[in-house]
């Protein structure tokens, strides 16, 4: 337990910007620790506890993997590939949002052409 606490303190020291926001980052730091492979066992702590690799929801997985990369915890090839896929997904979502905005403006222009302005007295 002391080794785990020491690692978590080191992680939090690297990612916490002010002394007041450590509790907000603790959740992701714990998942980063639990899902990275430890060299002595060649397994993740979660894998040792549950007997299988855990699958995290996307909203937990991405920040945990970024924290692991940030603090230089060992990341498997799969995790590196997954992180690249998640970054690509973010890019695609941004492009889709931009495309939707362009489309919305085009539809609005088309609609505005056919609108007849009426003046009432």
C-alpha atoms as a PDB file:
ATOM      1  CA  UNK A   1       0.000   0.000   0.000  1.00  0.00           C
ATOM      2  CA  UNK A   2       2.871   2.385   0.729  1.00  0.00           C
ATOM      3  CA  UNK A   3       4.355   1.853  -2.740  1.00  0.00           C
ATOM      4  CA  UNK A   4       0.986   2.587  -4.333  1.00  0.00           C
ATOM      5  CA  UNK A   5       0.562   5.733  -2.249  1.00  0.00           C
ATOM      6  CA  UNK A   6       4.063   6.893  -3.200  1.00  0.00           C
ATOM      7  CA  UNK A   7       3.300   6.405  -6.895  1.00  0.00           C
ATOM      8  CA  UNK A   8      -0.059   8.190  -6.620  1.00  0.00           C
ATOM      9  CA  UNK A   9       1.551  11.128  -4.819  1.00  0.00           C
ATOM     10  CA  UNK A  10       4.163  11.350  -7.594  1.00  0.00           C
ATOM     11  CA  UNK A  11       1.404  11.231 -10.218  1.00  0.00           C
ATOM     12  CA  UNK A  12      -0.627  13.943  -8.508  1.00  0.00           C
ATOM     13  CA  UNK A  13       2.446  16.168  -8.099  1.00  0.00           C
ATOM     14  CA  UNK A  14       2.941  16.096 -11.863  1.00  0.00           C
ATOM     15  CA  UNK A  15      -0.659  16.745 -12.891  1.00  0.00           C
ATOM     16  CA  UNK A  16      -2.069  19.024 -10.200  1.00  0.00           C
ATOM     17  CA  UNK A  17      -1.834  22.691 -11.135  1.00  0.00           C
ATOM     18  CA  UNK A  18      -2.891  24.169  -7.802  1.00  0.00           C
ATOM     19  CA  UNK A  19      -3.034  22.663  -4.350  1.00  0.00           C
ATOM     20  CA  UNK A  20      -6.806  22.797  -4.418  1.00  0.00           C
ATOM     21  CA  UNK A  21      -7.703  20.675  -7.447  1.00  0.00           C
ATOM     22  CA  UNK A  22      -5.976  17.392  -6.551  1.00  0.00           C
ATOM     23  CA  UNK A  23      -9.272  15.732  -5.604  1.00  0.00           C
ATOM     24  CA  UNK A  24     -10.635  16.391  -9.110  1.00  0.00           C
ATOM     25  CA  UNK A  25      -7.697  14.586 -10.733  1.00  0.00           C
ATOM     26  CA  UNK A  26      -7.436  11.704  -8.254  1.00  0.00           C
ATOM     27  CA  UNK A  27     -10.058   9.589 -10.058  1.00  0.00           C
ATOM     28  CA  UNK A  28      -8.158   9.641 -13.357  1.00  0.00           C
ATOM     29  CA  UNK A  29      -4.825   9.136 -11.615  1.00  0.00           C
ATOM     30  CA  UNK A  30      -6.175   6.009  -9.904  1.00  0.00           C
ATOM     31  CA  UNK A  31      -7.475   4.579 -13.179  1.00  0.00           C
ATOM     32  CA  UNK A  32      -4.169   5.361 -14.872  1.00  0.00           C
ATOM     33  CA  UNK A  33      -2.371   3.452 -12.127  1.00  0.00           C
ATOM     34  CA  UNK A  34      -4.813   0.542 -12.103  1.00  0.00           C
ATOM     35  CA  UNK A  35      -4.742   0.011 -15.869  1.00  0.00           C
ATOM     36  CA  UNK A  36      -1.008   0.245 -16.616  1.00  0.00           C
ATOM     37  CA  UNK A  37       1.153  -2.849 -16.736  1.00  0.00           C
ATOM     38  CA  UNK A  38       3.582  -3.274 -13.842  1.00  0.00           C
ATOM     39  CA  UNK A  39       6.998  -4.607 -14.858  1.00  0.00           C
ATOM     40  CA  UNK A  40       7.466  -7.109 -11.987  1.00  0.00           C
ATOM     41  CA  UNK A  41       4.158  -8.878 -12.646  1.00  0.00           C
ATOM     42  CA  UNK A  42       3.730  -8.076 -16.355  1.00  0.00           C
ATOM     43  CA  UNK A  43       0.071  -7.379 -15.573  1.00  0.00           C
ATOM     44  CA  UNK A  44      -2.085  -4.483 -14.463  1.00  0.00           C
ATOM     45  CA  UNK A  45      -3.221  -4.266 -10.836  1.00  0.00           C
ATOM     46  CA  UNK A  46      -6.831  -4.512 -12.034  1.00  0.00           C
ATOM     47  CA  UNK A  47      -5.986  -7.640 -14.025  1.00  0.00           C
ATOM     48  CA  UNK A  48      -4.498  -9.266 -10.929  1.00  0.00           C
ATOM     49  CA  UNK A  49      -7.587  -8.456  -8.871  1.00  0.00           C
ATOM     50  CA  UNK A  50     -10.279  -9.383 -11.407  1.00  0.00           C
ATOM     51  CA  UNK A  51      -8.453 -12.020 -13.433  1.00  0.00           C
ATOM     52  CA  UNK A  52      -9.065 -10.263 -16.744  1.00  0.00           C
ATOM     53  CA  UNK A  53      -8.247  -6.958 -18.366  1.00  0.00           C
ATOM     54  CA  UNK A  54     -10.907  -4.404 -17.538  1.00  0.00           C
ATOM     55  CA  UNK A  55     -12.698  -2.367 -20.188  1.00  0.00           C
ATOM     56  CA  UNK A  56     -13.285   1.198 -19.112  1.00  0.00           C
ATOM     57  CA  UNK A  57     -15.992   3.505 -20.421  1.00  0.00           C
ATOM     58  CA  UNK A  58     -14.618   5.989 -22.923  1.00  0.00           C
ATOM     59  CA  UNK A  59     -15.099   9.001 -20.644  1.00  0.00           C
ATOM     60  CA  UNK A  60     -12.851   7.301 -18.053  1.00  0.00           C
ATOM     61  CA  UNK A  61     -10.425   5.557 -20.402  1.00  0.00           C
ATOM     62  CA  UNK A  62      -9.204   8.553 -22.368  1.00  0.00           C
ATOM     63  CA  UNK A  63      -8.210  10.822 -19.432  1.00  0.00           C
ATOM     64  CA  UNK A  64      -6.627   7.876 -17.616  1.00  0.00           C
ATOM     65  CA  UNK A  65      -4.511   6.982 -20.647  1.00  0.00           C
ATOM     66  CA  UNK A  66      -3.474  10.602 -21.153  1.00  0.00           C
ATOM     67  CA  UNK A  67      -2.438  10.813 -17.500  1.00  0.00           C
ATOM     68  CA  UNK A  68      -0.429   7.606 -17.854  1.00  0.00           C
ATOM     69  CA  UNK A  69       1.363   9.023 -20.893  1.00  0.00           C
ATOM     70  CA  UNK A  70       1.903  12.366 -19.160  1.00  0.00           C
ATOM     71  CA  UNK A  71       3.566  10.865 -16.117  1.00  0.00           C
ATOM     72  CA  UNK A  72       5.504   8.346 -18.200  1.00  0.00           C
ATOM     73  CA  UNK A  73       3.949   5.185 -16.810  1.00  0.00           C
ATOM     74  CA  UNK A  74       4.629   2.201 -19.065  1.00  0.00           C
ATOM     75  CA  UNK A  75       1.885   1.978 -21.700  1.00  0.00           C
ATOM     76  CA  UNK A  76       1.303  -1.109 -23.815  1.00  0.00           C
ATOM     77  CA  UNK A  77       1.301  -0.976 -27.623  1.00  0.00           C
ATOM     78  CA  UNK A  78      -2.457  -1.542 -27.548  1.00  0.00           C
ATOM     79  CA  UNK A  79      -2.971   1.408 -25.221  1.00  0.00           C
ATOM     80  CA  UNK A  80      -0.816   3.673 -27.414  1.00  0.00           C
ATOM     81  CA  UNK A  81      -2.800   2.607 -30.472  1.00  0.00           C
ATOM     82  CA  UNK A  82      -6.083   3.140 -28.604  1.00  0.00           C
ATOM     83  CA  UNK A  83      -5.009   6.616 -27.500  1.00  0.00           C
ATOM     84  CA  UNK A  84      -4.172   7.486 -31.120  1.00  0.00           C
ATOM     85  CA  UNK A  85      -7.614   6.188 -32.166  1.00  0.00           C
ATOM     86  CA  UNK A  86      -9.295   8.325 -29.510  1.00  0.00           C
ATOM     87  CA  UNK A  87      -7.401  11.410 -30.674  1.00  0.00           C
ATOM     88  CA  UNK A  88      -8.459  10.651 -34.255  1.00  0.00           C
ATOM     89  CA  UNK A  89     -12.045  10.256 -33.042  1.00  0.00           C
ATOM     90  CA  UNK A  90     -11.888  13.710 -31.437  1.00  0.00           C
ATOM     91  CA  UNK A  91     -10.614  15.121 -34.726  1.00  0.00           C
ATOM     92  CA  UNK A  92     -13.438  13.461 -36.658  1.00  0.00           C
ATOM     93  CA  UNK A  93     -16.020  14.789 -34.203  1.00  0.00           C
ATOM     94  CA  UNK A  94     -14.641  18.300 -34.586  1.00  0.00           C
ATOM     95  CA  UNK A  95     -14.746  18.006 -38.378  1.00  0.00           C
ATOM     96  CA  UNK A  96     -18.320  16.698 -38.206  1.00  0.00           C
ATOM     97  CA  UNK A  97     -19.360  19.643 -36.020  1.00  0.00           C
ATOM     98  CA  UNK A  98     -17.758  22.090 -38.459  1.00  0.00           C
ATOM     99  CA  UNK A  99     -19.448  20.358 -41.391  1.00  0.00           C
ATOM    100  CA  UNK A 100     -22.819  20.479 -39.612  1.00  0.00           C
ATOM    101  CA  UNK A 101     -22.400  24.226 -39.044  1.00  0.00           C
ATOM    102  CA  UNK A 102     -21.561  24.825 -42.724  1.00  0.00           C
ATOM    103  CA  UNK A 103     -24.572  22.727 -43.739  1.00  0.00           C
ATOM    104  CA  UNK A 104     -26.862  24.627 -41.355  1.00  0.00           C
ATOM    105  CA  UNK A 105     -25.745  27.949 -42.842  1.00  0.00           C
ATOM    106  CA  UNK A 106     -26.231  26.657 -46.389  1.00  0.00           C
ATOM    107  CA  UNK A 107     -29.774  25.483 -45.593  1.00  0.00           C
ATOM    108  CA  UNK A 108     -30.549  28.834 -43.947  1.00  0.00           C
ATOM    109  CA  UNK A 109     -29.307  30.720 -47.041  1.00  0.00           C
ATOM    110  CA  UNK A 110     -31.371  28.510 -49.314  1.00  0.00           C
ATOM    111  CA  UNK A 111     -34.469  29.046 -47.177  1.00  0.00           C
ATOM    112  CA  UNK A 112     -33.865  32.802 -47.039  1.00  0.00           C
ATOM    113  CA  UNK A 113     -33.874  32.978 -50.865  1.00  0.00           C
ATOM    114  CA  UNK A 114     -37.414  31.652 -51.088  1.00  0.00           C
ATOM    115  CA  UNK A 115     -38.848  33.819 -48.317  1.00  0.00           C
ATOM    116  CA  UNK A 116     -40.970  36.682 -49.603  1.00  0.00           C
ATOM    117  CA  UNK A 117     -40.827  39.746 -47.438  1.00  0.00           C
ATOM    118  CA  UNK A 118     -44.292  41.118 -46.731  1.00  0.00           C
ATOM    119  CA  UNK A 119     -45.023  44.571 -45.481  1.00  0.00           C
ATOM    120  CA  UNK A 120     -48.152  45.307 -43.514  1.00  0.00           C
ATOM    121  CA  UNK A 121     -49.690  48.689 -42.903  1.00  0.00           C
END
